[in-house]
N, C-alpha and C. Protein backbone atom coordinates (compact mmCIF):
# COMPACT_ATOMS: atom_id res chain seq x y z
N UNK A 1 6.68 -5.13 -11.93
CA UNK A 1 7.86 -4.43 -11.44
C UNK A 1 9.11 -5.18 -11.85
N UNK A 2 10.13 -4.46 -12.26
CA UNK A 2 11.35 -5.08 -12.73
C UNK A 2 12.17 -5.63 -11.56
N UNK A 3 12.17 -4.94 -10.46
CA UNK A 3 12.95 -5.41 -9.32
C UNK A 3 13.90 -4.34 -8.83
N UNK A 4 14.29 -4.45 -7.59
CA UNK A 4 15.10 -3.41 -6.96
C UNK A 4 16.56 -3.48 -7.38
N UNK A 5 17.04 -4.63 -7.84
CA UNK A 5 18.46 -4.79 -8.13
C UNK A 5 18.87 -4.09 -9.42
N UNK A 6 17.91 -3.69 -10.24
CA UNK A 6 18.24 -3.14 -11.55
C UNK A 6 17.87 -1.67 -11.68
N UNK A 7 17.77 -0.97 -10.56
CA UNK A 7 17.37 0.43 -10.58
C UNK A 7 18.58 1.35 -10.60
N UNK A 8 18.59 2.31 -11.52
CA UNK A 8 19.62 3.34 -11.59
C UNK A 8 18.95 4.67 -11.84
N UNK A 9 19.45 5.73 -11.20
CA UNK A 9 18.84 7.04 -11.38
C UNK A 9 19.02 7.55 -12.80
N UNK A 10 20.18 7.26 -13.42
CA UNK A 10 20.51 7.84 -14.71
C UNK A 10 20.47 6.84 -15.86
N UNK A 11 19.89 5.65 -15.62
CA UNK A 11 19.82 4.63 -16.68
C UNK A 11 18.43 4.03 -16.72
N UNK A 12 17.96 3.67 -17.90
CA UNK A 12 16.66 2.98 -17.97
C UNK A 12 16.77 1.56 -17.42
N UNK A 13 15.73 1.10 -16.76
CA UNK A 13 15.71 -0.26 -16.24
C UNK A 13 15.46 -1.25 -17.37
N UNK A 14 16.03 -2.43 -17.22
CA UNK A 14 15.86 -3.47 -18.23
C UNK A 14 15.28 -4.72 -17.58
N UNK A 15 14.50 -5.45 -18.36
CA UNK A 15 13.90 -6.67 -17.84
C UNK A 15 13.73 -7.68 -18.97
N UNK A 16 13.81 -8.94 -18.61
CA UNK A 16 13.54 -10.04 -19.55
C UNK A 16 12.23 -10.69 -19.13
N UNK A 17 11.27 -10.72 -20.02
CA UNK A 17 9.98 -11.34 -19.73
C UNK A 17 10.00 -12.78 -20.17
N UNK A 18 9.70 -13.69 -19.25
CA UNK A 18 9.73 -15.13 -19.55
C UNK A 18 8.36 -15.71 -19.24
N UNK A 19 7.47 -15.78 -20.21
CA UNK A 19 6.14 -16.35 -19.95
C UNK A 19 6.22 -17.86 -19.74
N UNK A 20 5.41 -18.34 -18.78
CA UNK A 20 5.41 -19.76 -18.46
C UNK A 20 4.29 -20.52 -19.19
N UNK A 21 3.33 -19.79 -19.77
CA UNK A 21 2.26 -20.44 -20.51
C UNK A 21 1.70 -19.46 -21.53
N UNK A 22 0.75 -19.92 -22.32
CA UNK A 22 0.23 -19.09 -23.41
C UNK A 22 -0.50 -17.85 -22.91
N UNK A 23 -1.10 -17.97 -21.72
CA UNK A 23 -1.79 -16.79 -21.18
C UNK A 23 -0.80 -15.72 -20.77
N UNK A 24 0.33 -16.13 -20.20
CA UNK A 24 1.35 -15.17 -19.81
C UNK A 24 2.01 -14.54 -21.03
N UNK A 25 2.00 -15.25 -22.17
CA UNK A 25 2.50 -14.64 -23.40
C UNK A 25 1.67 -13.40 -23.74
N UNK A 26 0.34 -13.54 -23.61
CA UNK A 26 -0.54 -12.40 -23.88
C UNK A 26 -0.31 -11.28 -22.87
N UNK A 27 -0.11 -11.65 -21.60
CA UNK A 27 0.14 -10.64 -20.58
C UNK A 27 1.44 -9.89 -20.85
N UNK A 28 2.47 -10.63 -21.24
CA UNK A 28 3.76 -9.99 -21.55
C UNK A 28 3.63 -9.08 -22.76
N UNK A 29 2.88 -9.53 -23.76
CA UNK A 29 2.68 -8.71 -24.95
C UNK A 29 1.94 -7.42 -24.60
N UNK A 30 0.93 -7.55 -23.74
CA UNK A 30 0.18 -6.36 -23.32
C UNK A 30 1.07 -5.42 -22.51
N UNK A 31 1.94 -5.98 -21.67
CA UNK A 31 2.84 -5.14 -20.88
C UNK A 31 3.81 -4.38 -21.78
N UNK A 32 4.33 -5.05 -22.81
CA UNK A 32 5.23 -4.38 -23.75
C UNK A 32 4.52 -3.27 -24.51
N UNK A 33 3.31 -3.55 -24.97
CA UNK A 33 2.54 -2.54 -25.70
C UNK A 33 2.27 -1.33 -24.81
N UNK A 34 1.91 -1.58 -23.56
CA UNK A 34 1.63 -0.48 -22.63
C UNK A 34 2.90 0.34 -22.38
N UNK A 35 4.04 -0.35 -22.31
CA UNK A 35 5.30 0.36 -22.09
C UNK A 35 5.62 1.28 -23.26
N UNK A 36 5.42 0.79 -24.48
CA UNK A 36 5.70 1.60 -25.66
C UNK A 36 4.77 2.81 -25.75
N UNK A 37 3.56 2.66 -25.21
CA UNK A 37 2.59 3.76 -25.22
C UNK A 37 2.82 4.74 -24.05
N UNK A 38 3.74 4.40 -23.16
CA UNK A 38 4.02 5.28 -22.03
C UNK A 38 3.06 5.13 -20.87
N UNK A 39 2.26 4.07 -20.87
CA UNK A 39 1.32 3.85 -19.78
C UNK A 39 2.07 3.44 -18.51
N UNK A 40 1.59 3.88 -17.35
CA UNK A 40 2.21 3.56 -16.08
C UNK A 40 1.16 3.11 -15.08
N UNK A 41 1.61 2.30 -14.12
CA UNK A 41 0.71 1.86 -13.06
C UNK A 41 0.48 2.97 -12.04
N UNK A 42 1.45 3.87 -11.91
CA UNK A 42 1.33 4.93 -10.92
C UNK A 42 0.24 5.91 -11.33
N UNK A 43 -0.49 6.45 -10.36
CA UNK A 43 -1.55 7.40 -10.71
C UNK A 43 -0.96 8.68 -11.27
N UNK A 44 -1.70 9.39 -12.11
CA UNK A 44 -1.18 10.65 -12.68
C UNK A 44 -1.02 11.72 -11.62
N UNK A 45 -0.15 12.66 -11.90
CA UNK A 45 0.07 13.77 -10.98
C UNK A 45 -1.20 14.60 -10.87
N UNK A 46 -1.59 14.90 -9.65
CA UNK A 46 -2.81 15.68 -9.42
C UNK A 46 -2.42 17.06 -8.90
N UNK A 47 -3.34 17.99 -9.01
CA UNK A 47 -3.09 19.33 -8.49
C UNK A 47 -2.95 19.30 -6.98
N UNK A 48 -2.11 20.18 -6.47
CA UNK A 48 -1.89 20.22 -5.03
C UNK A 48 -3.15 20.57 -4.26
N UNK A 49 -3.31 19.96 -3.10
CA UNK A 49 -4.48 20.22 -2.27
C UNK A 49 -4.41 21.57 -1.59
N UNK A 50 -5.53 22.23 -1.51
CA UNK A 50 -5.55 23.54 -0.88
C UNK A 50 -5.40 23.44 0.64
N UNK A 51 -5.78 22.31 1.22
CA UNK A 51 -5.57 22.14 2.66
C UNK A 51 -4.09 22.06 2.99
N UNK A 52 -3.33 21.39 2.13
CA UNK A 52 -1.88 21.32 2.32
C UNK A 52 -1.25 22.70 2.12
N UNK A 53 -1.76 23.43 1.13
CA UNK A 53 -1.25 24.78 0.89
C UNK A 53 -1.52 25.68 2.09
N UNK A 54 -2.71 25.59 2.66
CA UNK A 54 -3.04 26.39 3.83
C UNK A 54 -2.10 26.08 4.99
N UNK A 55 -1.78 24.81 5.15
CA UNK A 55 -0.86 24.42 6.21
C UNK A 55 0.54 24.97 5.94
N UNK A 56 0.95 24.98 4.68
CA UNK A 56 2.25 25.53 4.32
C UNK A 56 2.29 27.04 4.59
N UNK A 57 1.23 27.72 4.26
CA UNK A 57 1.16 29.17 4.50
C UNK A 57 1.34 29.45 5.99
N UNK A 58 0.63 28.71 6.83
CA UNK A 58 0.75 28.91 8.27
C UNK A 58 2.16 28.56 8.75
N UNK A 59 2.73 27.51 8.19
CA UNK A 59 4.08 27.12 8.58
C UNK A 59 5.11 28.18 8.25
N UNK A 60 4.95 28.80 7.08
CA UNK A 60 5.86 29.89 6.71
C UNK A 60 5.74 31.06 7.68
N UNK A 61 4.51 31.38 8.07
CA UNK A 61 4.29 32.48 9.02
C UNK A 61 4.89 32.15 10.38
N UNK A 62 4.86 30.89 10.77
CA UNK A 62 5.44 30.49 12.05
C UNK A 62 6.96 30.62 12.01
N UNK A 63 7.54 30.46 10.83
CA UNK A 63 8.99 30.57 10.70
C UNK A 63 9.46 32.01 10.68
N UNK A 64 8.81 32.83 9.87
CA UNK A 64 9.20 34.24 9.74
C UNK A 64 8.10 34.95 8.95
N UNK A 65 7.94 36.27 9.14
CA UNK A 65 6.96 37.01 8.34
C UNK A 65 7.25 36.87 6.85
N UNK A 66 6.20 36.79 6.03
CA UNK A 66 6.41 36.60 4.59
C UNK A 66 5.56 37.59 3.81
N UNK A 67 5.98 37.83 2.58
CA UNK A 67 5.21 38.67 1.67
C UNK A 67 4.42 37.74 0.75
N UNK A 68 3.16 38.01 0.57
CA UNK A 68 2.28 37.13 -0.21
C UNK A 68 2.79 36.94 -1.63
N UNK A 69 3.29 38.00 -2.26
CA UNK A 69 3.77 37.89 -3.64
C UNK A 69 4.94 36.91 -3.74
N UNK A 70 5.87 37.02 -2.80
CA UNK A 70 7.05 36.15 -2.83
C UNK A 70 6.65 34.70 -2.56
N UNK A 71 5.74 34.48 -1.63
CA UNK A 71 5.31 33.11 -1.32
C UNK A 71 4.55 32.51 -2.49
N UNK A 72 3.73 33.32 -3.15
CA UNK A 72 2.99 32.83 -4.31
C UNK A 72 3.95 32.36 -5.40
N UNK A 73 4.97 33.15 -5.68
CA UNK A 73 5.95 32.76 -6.70
C UNK A 73 6.69 31.49 -6.29
N UNK A 74 6.99 31.37 -5.01
CA UNK A 74 7.70 30.18 -4.54
C UNK A 74 6.84 28.93 -4.66
N UNK A 75 5.57 29.04 -4.25
CA UNK A 75 4.67 27.89 -4.28
C UNK A 75 4.49 27.38 -5.71
N UNK A 76 4.42 28.28 -6.67
CA UNK A 76 4.20 27.89 -8.05
C UNK A 76 5.40 27.17 -8.67
N UNK A 77 6.54 27.18 -8.01
CA UNK A 77 7.68 26.42 -8.51
C UNK A 77 7.53 24.93 -8.23
N UNK A 78 6.62 24.55 -7.33
CA UNK A 78 6.34 23.14 -7.05
C UNK A 78 5.37 22.61 -8.11
N UNK A 79 5.67 21.47 -8.68
CA UNK A 79 4.88 20.93 -9.80
C UNK A 79 3.38 20.83 -9.49
N UNK A 80 2.96 20.34 -8.31
CA UNK A 80 1.52 20.23 -8.06
C UNK A 80 0.79 21.57 -8.02
N UNK A 81 1.55 22.66 -7.82
CA UNK A 81 0.92 23.98 -7.73
C UNK A 81 1.32 24.90 -8.88
N UNK A 82 1.86 24.33 -9.94
CA UNK A 82 2.33 25.15 -11.06
C UNK A 82 1.20 25.91 -11.72
N UNK A 83 0.00 25.37 -11.69
CA UNK A 83 -1.15 26.02 -12.33
C UNK A 83 -2.00 26.81 -11.33
N UNK A 84 -1.52 26.98 -10.12
CA UNK A 84 -2.27 27.72 -9.10
C UNK A 84 -2.44 29.18 -9.53
N UNK A 85 -3.68 29.67 -9.49
CA UNK A 85 -3.92 31.06 -9.86
C UNK A 85 -3.92 31.94 -8.62
N UNK A 86 -3.70 33.22 -8.83
CA UNK A 86 -3.56 34.14 -7.71
C UNK A 86 -4.85 34.30 -6.89
N UNK A 87 -6.04 34.38 -7.52
CA UNK A 87 -7.25 34.49 -6.68
C UNK A 87 -7.42 33.32 -5.72
N UNK A 88 -7.11 32.10 -6.18
CA UNK A 88 -7.22 30.94 -5.29
C UNK A 88 -6.21 31.04 -4.16
N UNK A 89 -5.00 31.45 -4.49
CA UNK A 89 -3.97 31.62 -3.46
C UNK A 89 -4.41 32.66 -2.43
N UNK A 90 -4.98 33.76 -2.89
CA UNK A 90 -5.44 34.81 -1.96
C UNK A 90 -6.56 34.30 -1.07
N UNK A 91 -7.42 33.44 -1.61
CA UNK A 91 -8.49 32.88 -0.77
C UNK A 91 -7.91 31.97 0.30
N UNK A 92 -6.84 31.26 -0.01
CA UNK A 92 -6.19 30.42 0.99
C UNK A 92 -5.58 31.29 2.09
N UNK A 93 -4.92 32.37 1.69
CA UNK A 93 -4.38 33.31 2.67
C UNK A 93 -5.49 33.83 3.59
N UNK A 94 -6.61 34.20 3.00
CA UNK A 94 -7.73 34.72 3.78
C UNK A 94 -8.28 33.65 4.72
N UNK A 95 -8.31 32.41 4.27
CA UNK A 95 -8.81 31.32 5.12
C UNK A 95 -7.92 31.15 6.34
N UNK A 96 -6.59 31.18 6.14
CA UNK A 96 -5.68 31.04 7.27
C UNK A 96 -5.78 32.25 8.20
N UNK A 97 -6.03 33.41 7.61
CA UNK A 97 -6.07 34.65 8.41
C UNK A 97 -7.37 34.81 9.18
N UNK A 98 -8.47 34.24 8.67
CA UNK A 98 -9.78 34.49 9.31
C UNK A 98 -10.52 33.23 9.73
N UNK A 99 -10.13 32.08 9.18
CA UNK A 99 -10.89 30.86 9.44
C UNK A 99 -11.99 30.63 8.43
N UNK A 100 -12.07 31.51 7.41
CA UNK A 100 -13.10 31.36 6.39
C UNK A 100 -14.43 31.97 6.81
N UNK A 101 -15.39 31.89 5.91
CA UNK A 101 -16.68 32.55 6.15
C UNK A 101 -17.39 32.01 7.39
N UNK A 102 -17.16 30.74 7.73
CA UNK A 102 -17.90 30.14 8.84
C UNK A 102 -17.28 30.47 10.20
N UNK A 103 -15.98 30.82 10.23
CA UNK A 103 -15.30 30.98 11.51
C UNK A 103 -14.68 32.36 11.69
N UNK A 104 -14.92 33.26 10.76
CA UNK A 104 -14.23 34.55 10.84
C UNK A 104 -14.66 35.40 12.04
N UNK A 105 -15.77 35.04 12.67
CA UNK A 105 -16.22 35.79 13.84
C UNK A 105 -15.57 35.30 15.13
N UNK A 106 -14.76 34.24 15.05
CA UNK A 106 -14.09 33.70 16.22
C UNK A 106 -12.61 34.09 16.19
N UNK A 107 -12.17 34.82 17.18
CA UNK A 107 -10.82 35.37 17.19
C UNK A 107 -9.75 34.28 17.17
N UNK A 108 -10.02 33.14 17.79
CA UNK A 108 -8.97 32.12 17.89
C UNK A 108 -8.61 31.49 16.55
N UNK A 109 -9.47 31.70 15.54
CA UNK A 109 -9.17 31.15 14.22
C UNK A 109 -8.43 32.15 13.32
N UNK A 110 -8.13 33.33 13.84
CA UNK A 110 -7.32 34.31 13.11
C UNK A 110 -5.86 33.97 13.38
N UNK A 111 -5.30 33.09 12.58
CA UNK A 111 -3.98 32.53 12.88
C UNK A 111 -2.82 33.38 12.36
N UNK A 112 -3.06 34.20 11.34
CA UNK A 112 -2.01 35.10 10.86
C UNK A 112 -2.60 36.50 10.71
N UNK A 113 -1.72 37.50 10.81
CA UNK A 113 -2.15 38.89 10.67
C UNK A 113 -1.17 39.60 9.75
N UNK A 114 -1.67 40.64 9.08
CA UNK A 114 -0.82 41.40 8.18
C UNK A 114 -0.30 42.65 8.89
N UNK A 115 1.00 42.90 8.75
CA UNK A 115 1.62 44.06 9.38
C UNK A 115 1.43 45.30 8.50
N UNK A 116 1.84 46.45 9.02
CA UNK A 116 1.74 47.69 8.26
C UNK A 116 2.62 47.65 7.01
N UNK A 117 3.68 46.84 7.08
CA UNK A 117 4.59 46.73 5.94
C UNK A 117 4.07 45.76 4.88
N UNK A 118 2.92 45.15 5.13
CA UNK A 118 2.35 44.23 4.17
C UNK A 118 2.80 42.79 4.34
N UNK A 119 3.55 42.49 5.40
CA UNK A 119 4.00 41.13 5.65
C UNK A 119 2.98 40.38 6.51
N UNK A 120 2.90 39.08 6.27
CA UNK A 120 2.02 38.24 7.06
C UNK A 120 2.84 37.55 8.14
N UNK A 121 2.35 37.60 9.37
CA UNK A 121 3.04 36.98 10.49
C UNK A 121 2.04 36.21 11.34
N UNK A 122 2.54 35.28 12.15
CA UNK A 122 1.66 34.51 13.02
C UNK A 122 1.05 35.44 14.06
N UNK A 123 -0.20 35.23 14.41
CA UNK A 123 -0.93 36.16 15.28
C UNK A 123 -0.43 36.13 16.71
N UNK A 124 0.00 34.96 17.20
CA UNK A 124 0.54 34.89 18.55
C UNK A 124 1.38 33.61 18.69
N UNK A 125 2.28 33.54 19.68
CA UNK A 125 3.17 32.38 19.83
C UNK A 125 2.42 31.06 20.04
N UNK A 126 1.24 31.12 20.63
CA UNK A 126 0.49 29.88 20.88
C UNK A 126 0.12 29.19 19.58
N UNK A 127 -0.17 29.97 18.54
CA UNK A 127 -0.51 29.39 17.23
C UNK A 127 0.69 28.62 16.68
N UNK A 128 1.89 29.21 16.81
CA UNK A 128 3.09 28.54 16.32
C UNK A 128 3.34 27.25 17.09
N UNK A 129 3.13 27.26 18.39
CA UNK A 129 3.32 26.07 19.20
C UNK A 129 2.34 24.97 18.79
N UNK A 130 1.08 25.35 18.60
CA UNK A 130 0.08 24.37 18.20
C UNK A 130 0.39 23.80 16.82
N UNK A 131 0.87 24.65 15.94
CA UNK A 131 1.22 24.20 14.59
C UNK A 131 2.33 23.15 14.64
N UNK A 132 3.35 23.40 15.42
CA UNK A 132 4.49 22.48 15.48
C UNK A 132 4.10 21.14 16.09
N UNK A 133 3.08 21.13 16.94
CA UNK A 133 2.62 19.89 17.54
C UNK A 133 1.75 19.08 16.59
N UNK A 134 1.10 19.74 15.64
CA UNK A 134 0.11 19.05 14.81
C UNK A 134 0.42 19.04 13.32
N UNK A 135 1.57 19.58 12.92
CA UNK A 135 1.88 19.69 11.49
C UNK A 135 1.93 18.29 10.86
N UNK A 136 1.48 18.21 9.62
CA UNK A 136 1.52 16.95 8.89
C UNK A 136 0.20 16.65 8.23
N UNK A 137 0.22 15.67 7.34
CA UNK A 137 -0.99 15.23 6.67
C UNK A 137 -1.21 13.75 6.94
N UNK A 138 -2.44 13.34 6.92
CA UNK A 138 -2.80 11.94 7.12
C UNK A 138 -2.92 11.28 5.76
N UNK A 139 -2.13 10.24 5.55
CA UNK A 139 -2.15 9.55 4.27
C UNK A 139 -2.87 8.22 4.42
N UNK A 140 -3.40 7.74 3.32
CA UNK A 140 -4.08 6.45 3.31
C UNK A 140 -3.06 5.37 3.01
N UNK A 141 -2.91 4.40 3.92
CA UNK A 141 -1.94 3.33 3.74
C UNK A 141 -2.68 2.03 3.40
N UNK A 142 -2.07 1.16 2.60
CA UNK A 142 -2.73 -0.11 2.25
C UNK A 142 -2.97 -0.95 3.50
N UNK A 143 -4.15 -1.50 3.61
CA UNK A 143 -4.50 -2.34 4.76
C UNK A 143 -5.23 -3.59 4.26
N UNK A 144 -5.02 -4.70 4.94
CA UNK A 144 -5.65 -5.96 4.58
C UNK A 144 -6.61 -6.40 5.68
N UNK A 145 -7.64 -7.12 5.26
CA UNK A 145 -8.54 -7.73 6.24
C UNK A 145 -7.79 -8.80 7.02
N UNK A 146 -8.05 -8.86 8.32
CA UNK A 146 -7.52 -9.94 9.15
C UNK A 146 -8.66 -10.93 9.37
N UNK A 147 -8.52 -12.12 8.83
CA UNK A 147 -9.61 -13.11 8.85
C UNK A 147 -9.13 -14.43 9.45
N UNK A 148 -9.96 -15.02 10.28
CA UNK A 148 -9.67 -16.36 10.80
C UNK A 148 -9.72 -17.39 9.67
N UNK A 149 -8.84 -18.38 9.72
CA UNK A 149 -8.96 -19.52 8.81
C UNK A 149 -10.11 -20.39 9.31
N UNK A 150 -10.53 -21.32 8.48
CA UNK A 150 -11.59 -22.23 8.87
C UNK A 150 -11.13 -23.08 10.05
N UNK A 151 -12.04 -23.42 10.91
CA UNK A 151 -11.71 -24.21 12.10
C UNK A 151 -11.01 -25.51 11.71
N UNK A 152 -9.90 -25.79 12.39
CA UNK A 152 -9.18 -27.03 12.16
C UNK A 152 -8.27 -27.02 10.95
N UNK A 153 -8.10 -25.87 10.28
CA UNK A 153 -7.27 -25.82 9.08
C UNK A 153 -6.13 -24.84 9.29
N UNK A 154 -5.16 -24.90 8.40
CA UNK A 154 -4.00 -24.01 8.45
C UNK A 154 -3.70 -23.53 7.04
N UNK A 155 -3.13 -22.35 6.93
CA UNK A 155 -2.71 -21.85 5.63
C UNK A 155 -3.66 -20.83 5.06
N UNK A 156 -3.12 -20.00 4.15
CA UNK A 156 -3.92 -18.92 3.57
C UNK A 156 -4.96 -19.41 2.59
N UNK A 157 -4.84 -20.65 2.13
CA UNK A 157 -5.81 -21.17 1.15
C UNK A 157 -7.16 -21.46 1.79
N UNK A 158 -7.19 -21.54 3.11
CA UNK A 158 -8.44 -21.84 3.80
C UNK A 158 -9.25 -20.56 3.99
N UNK A 159 -10.53 -20.63 3.69
CA UNK A 159 -11.41 -19.48 3.83
C UNK A 159 -12.55 -19.80 4.78
N UNK A 160 -13.30 -18.79 5.12
CA UNK A 160 -14.54 -19.05 5.84
C UNK A 160 -14.63 -18.46 7.21
N UNK A 161 -13.50 -18.01 7.80
CA UNK A 161 -13.56 -17.46 9.15
C UNK A 161 -14.05 -16.02 9.16
N UNK A 162 -14.33 -15.53 10.35
CA UNK A 162 -14.83 -14.16 10.47
C UNK A 162 -13.68 -13.15 10.41
N UNK A 163 -14.01 -11.94 10.03
CA UNK A 163 -13.02 -10.86 9.92
C UNK A 163 -12.90 -10.15 11.26
N UNK A 164 -11.66 -9.93 11.69
CA UNK A 164 -11.41 -9.25 12.96
C UNK A 164 -11.20 -7.75 12.78
N UNK A 165 -10.81 -7.34 11.58
CA UNK A 165 -10.54 -5.93 11.34
C UNK A 165 -9.53 -5.78 10.22
N UNK A 166 -8.87 -4.65 10.17
CA UNK A 166 -7.86 -4.38 9.15
C UNK A 166 -6.54 -4.03 9.80
N UNK A 167 -5.45 -4.35 9.10
CA UNK A 167 -4.11 -4.06 9.61
C UNK A 167 -3.23 -3.66 8.43
N UNK A 168 -2.22 -2.83 8.70
CA UNK A 168 -1.38 -2.30 7.63
C UNK A 168 -0.59 -3.40 6.94
N UNK A 169 -0.56 -3.32 5.61
CA UNK A 169 0.14 -4.30 4.81
C UNK A 169 1.64 -4.29 5.12
N UNK A 170 2.19 -3.10 5.39
CA UNK A 170 3.63 -2.99 5.66
C UNK A 170 4.04 -3.83 6.86
N UNK A 171 3.19 -3.90 7.88
CA UNK A 171 3.50 -4.74 9.04
C UNK A 171 3.43 -6.21 8.68
N UNK A 172 2.41 -6.58 7.94
CA UNK A 172 2.23 -7.99 7.59
C UNK A 172 3.38 -8.51 6.74
N UNK A 173 3.99 -7.63 5.96
CA UNK A 173 5.11 -8.04 5.11
C UNK A 173 6.34 -8.40 5.93
N UNK A 174 6.38 -8.01 7.21
CA UNK A 174 7.51 -8.36 8.06
C UNK A 174 7.32 -9.73 8.72
N UNK A 175 6.15 -10.34 8.57
CA UNK A 175 5.86 -11.61 9.22
C UNK A 175 6.14 -12.79 8.31
N UNK A 176 6.48 -13.91 8.92
CA UNK A 176 6.61 -15.16 8.19
C UNK A 176 5.61 -16.15 8.80
N UNK A 177 5.35 -17.22 8.07
CA UNK A 177 4.36 -18.20 8.51
C UNK A 177 4.71 -18.72 9.90
N UNK A 178 3.73 -18.63 10.81
CA UNK A 178 3.93 -19.10 12.17
C UNK A 178 4.22 -17.99 13.16
N UNK A 179 4.58 -16.80 12.68
CA UNK A 179 4.80 -15.67 13.59
C UNK A 179 3.50 -15.33 14.32
N UNK A 180 3.65 -14.80 15.51
CA UNK A 180 2.47 -14.39 16.27
C UNK A 180 2.48 -12.89 16.50
N UNK A 181 1.30 -12.31 16.59
CA UNK A 181 1.18 -10.88 16.84
C UNK A 181 -0.13 -10.61 17.57
N UNK A 182 -0.19 -9.46 18.21
CA UNK A 182 -1.38 -9.11 18.98
C UNK A 182 -2.27 -8.20 18.15
N UNK A 183 -3.54 -8.51 18.09
CA UNK A 183 -4.50 -7.71 17.34
C UNK A 183 -5.89 -7.99 17.89
N UNK A 184 -6.68 -6.92 18.04
CA UNK A 184 -8.05 -7.02 18.54
C UNK A 184 -8.10 -7.71 19.91
N UNK A 185 -7.07 -7.48 20.71
CA UNK A 185 -7.03 -8.06 22.04
C UNK A 185 -6.71 -9.53 22.07
N UNK A 186 -6.22 -10.09 20.96
CA UNK A 186 -5.93 -11.52 20.87
C UNK A 186 -4.51 -11.75 20.39
N UNK A 187 -3.93 -12.89 20.78
CA UNK A 187 -2.66 -13.33 20.23
C UNK A 187 -2.98 -14.21 19.03
N UNK A 188 -2.53 -13.81 17.86
CA UNK A 188 -2.87 -14.50 16.62
C UNK A 188 -1.63 -15.09 15.96
N UNK A 189 -1.82 -16.20 15.28
CA UNK A 189 -0.76 -16.86 14.52
C UNK A 189 -0.93 -16.52 13.04
N UNK A 190 0.12 -16.02 12.42
CA UNK A 190 0.06 -15.63 11.01
C UNK A 190 0.12 -16.88 10.14
N UNK A 191 -0.94 -17.08 9.34
CA UNK A 191 -1.01 -18.25 8.46
C UNK A 191 -0.62 -17.92 7.02
N UNK A 192 -0.81 -16.68 6.63
CA UNK A 192 -0.44 -16.30 5.27
C UNK A 192 -1.35 -15.21 4.72
N UNK A 193 -1.05 -14.78 3.50
CA UNK A 193 -1.82 -13.73 2.83
C UNK A 193 -2.33 -14.28 1.51
N UNK A 194 -3.58 -13.99 1.22
CA UNK A 194 -4.17 -14.35 -0.06
C UNK A 194 -5.03 -13.20 -0.53
N UNK A 195 -4.69 -12.69 -1.72
CA UNK A 195 -5.37 -11.53 -2.28
C UNK A 195 -5.30 -10.36 -1.30
N UNK A 196 -6.43 -9.86 -0.84
CA UNK A 196 -6.42 -8.70 0.06
C UNK A 196 -6.76 -9.08 1.49
N UNK A 197 -6.43 -10.32 1.88
CA UNK A 197 -6.76 -10.77 3.22
C UNK A 197 -5.58 -11.48 3.88
N UNK A 198 -5.44 -11.25 5.17
CA UNK A 198 -4.45 -11.92 6.00
C UNK A 198 -5.18 -12.99 6.81
N UNK A 199 -4.70 -14.23 6.74
CA UNK A 199 -5.37 -15.31 7.44
C UNK A 199 -4.60 -15.66 8.72
N UNK A 200 -5.36 -15.82 9.80
CA UNK A 200 -4.76 -16.05 11.10
C UNK A 200 -5.52 -17.14 11.84
N UNK A 201 -4.89 -17.62 12.92
CA UNK A 201 -5.56 -18.52 13.84
C UNK A 201 -5.17 -18.11 15.25
N UNK A 202 -5.92 -18.55 16.23
CA UNK A 202 -5.59 -18.23 17.61
C UNK A 202 -4.29 -18.92 18.00
N UNK A 203 -3.48 -18.22 18.80
CA UNK A 203 -2.19 -18.77 19.24
C UNK A 203 -2.09 -18.66 20.75
N UNK A 204 -1.59 -19.69 21.41
CA UNK A 204 -1.41 -19.62 22.87
C UNK A 204 -0.17 -18.82 23.22
N UNK A 205 -0.05 -18.46 24.48
CA UNK A 205 1.14 -17.76 24.95
C UNK A 205 0.96 -16.26 24.95
N UNK A 206 2.00 -15.57 25.45
CA UNK A 206 1.94 -14.11 25.58
C UNK A 206 3.07 -13.42 24.82
N UNK A 207 3.95 -14.16 24.16
CA UNK A 207 5.07 -13.58 23.42
C UNK A 207 4.62 -13.35 21.98
N UNK A 208 4.39 -12.11 21.63
CA UNK A 208 3.88 -11.81 20.29
C UNK A 208 4.46 -10.51 19.78
N UNK A 209 4.57 -10.42 18.45
CA UNK A 209 4.92 -9.15 17.84
C UNK A 209 3.71 -8.22 17.94
N UNK A 210 3.97 -6.95 17.89
CA UNK A 210 2.88 -5.98 18.04
C UNK A 210 2.76 -5.13 16.78
N UNK A 211 1.58 -4.99 16.18
CA UNK A 211 1.41 -4.14 15.00
C UNK A 211 1.75 -2.69 15.33
N UNK A 212 2.26 -1.98 14.33
CA UNK A 212 2.53 -0.56 14.50
C UNK A 212 1.66 0.22 13.55
N UNK A 213 1.35 1.46 13.92
CA UNK A 213 0.47 2.30 13.11
C UNK A 213 1.10 3.66 12.95
């Protein structure tokens, strides 16, 4: 990464590579070659998920009645759904309207209905209320193992303790050496991070930062 200080929306970022040894010379050369080839660390754009699309369809119905043709054209303007075909879109509409083949016999899963004018609307106000309470997707966030350091030692270089669980990397980045936080019912002292593990030791007292999720 070049760094946050050199980012501009309308200008290319610039960086100076300064290798400290012969191995880093090779790494820098490989990075330059990859840049010229257009390779990126970020994953490639994937097609939009149908579960997210189904949620969007229901959300539109909760807002106002919609026409399937107009919504289909709108959805296809989003890059992840640019290649969405109409039969797939219609199956998503049917899934939201009936609950799919497995649930179509249960009335409570009929979340939208089509009017005589051909518009799709939410089946009842309770569906809209439930949607507003639960809307959103669950994303996978980076998490590190929380591991005890070896008995009698300090610092992230020490290995050998047992793992207590996992905690979000974003929280750990707010800690400095010696900070305390509560995890797994214990007050822990932050010793440092090494690779994909956070090293801790037991800490006395009750004043601790609390992880957020």
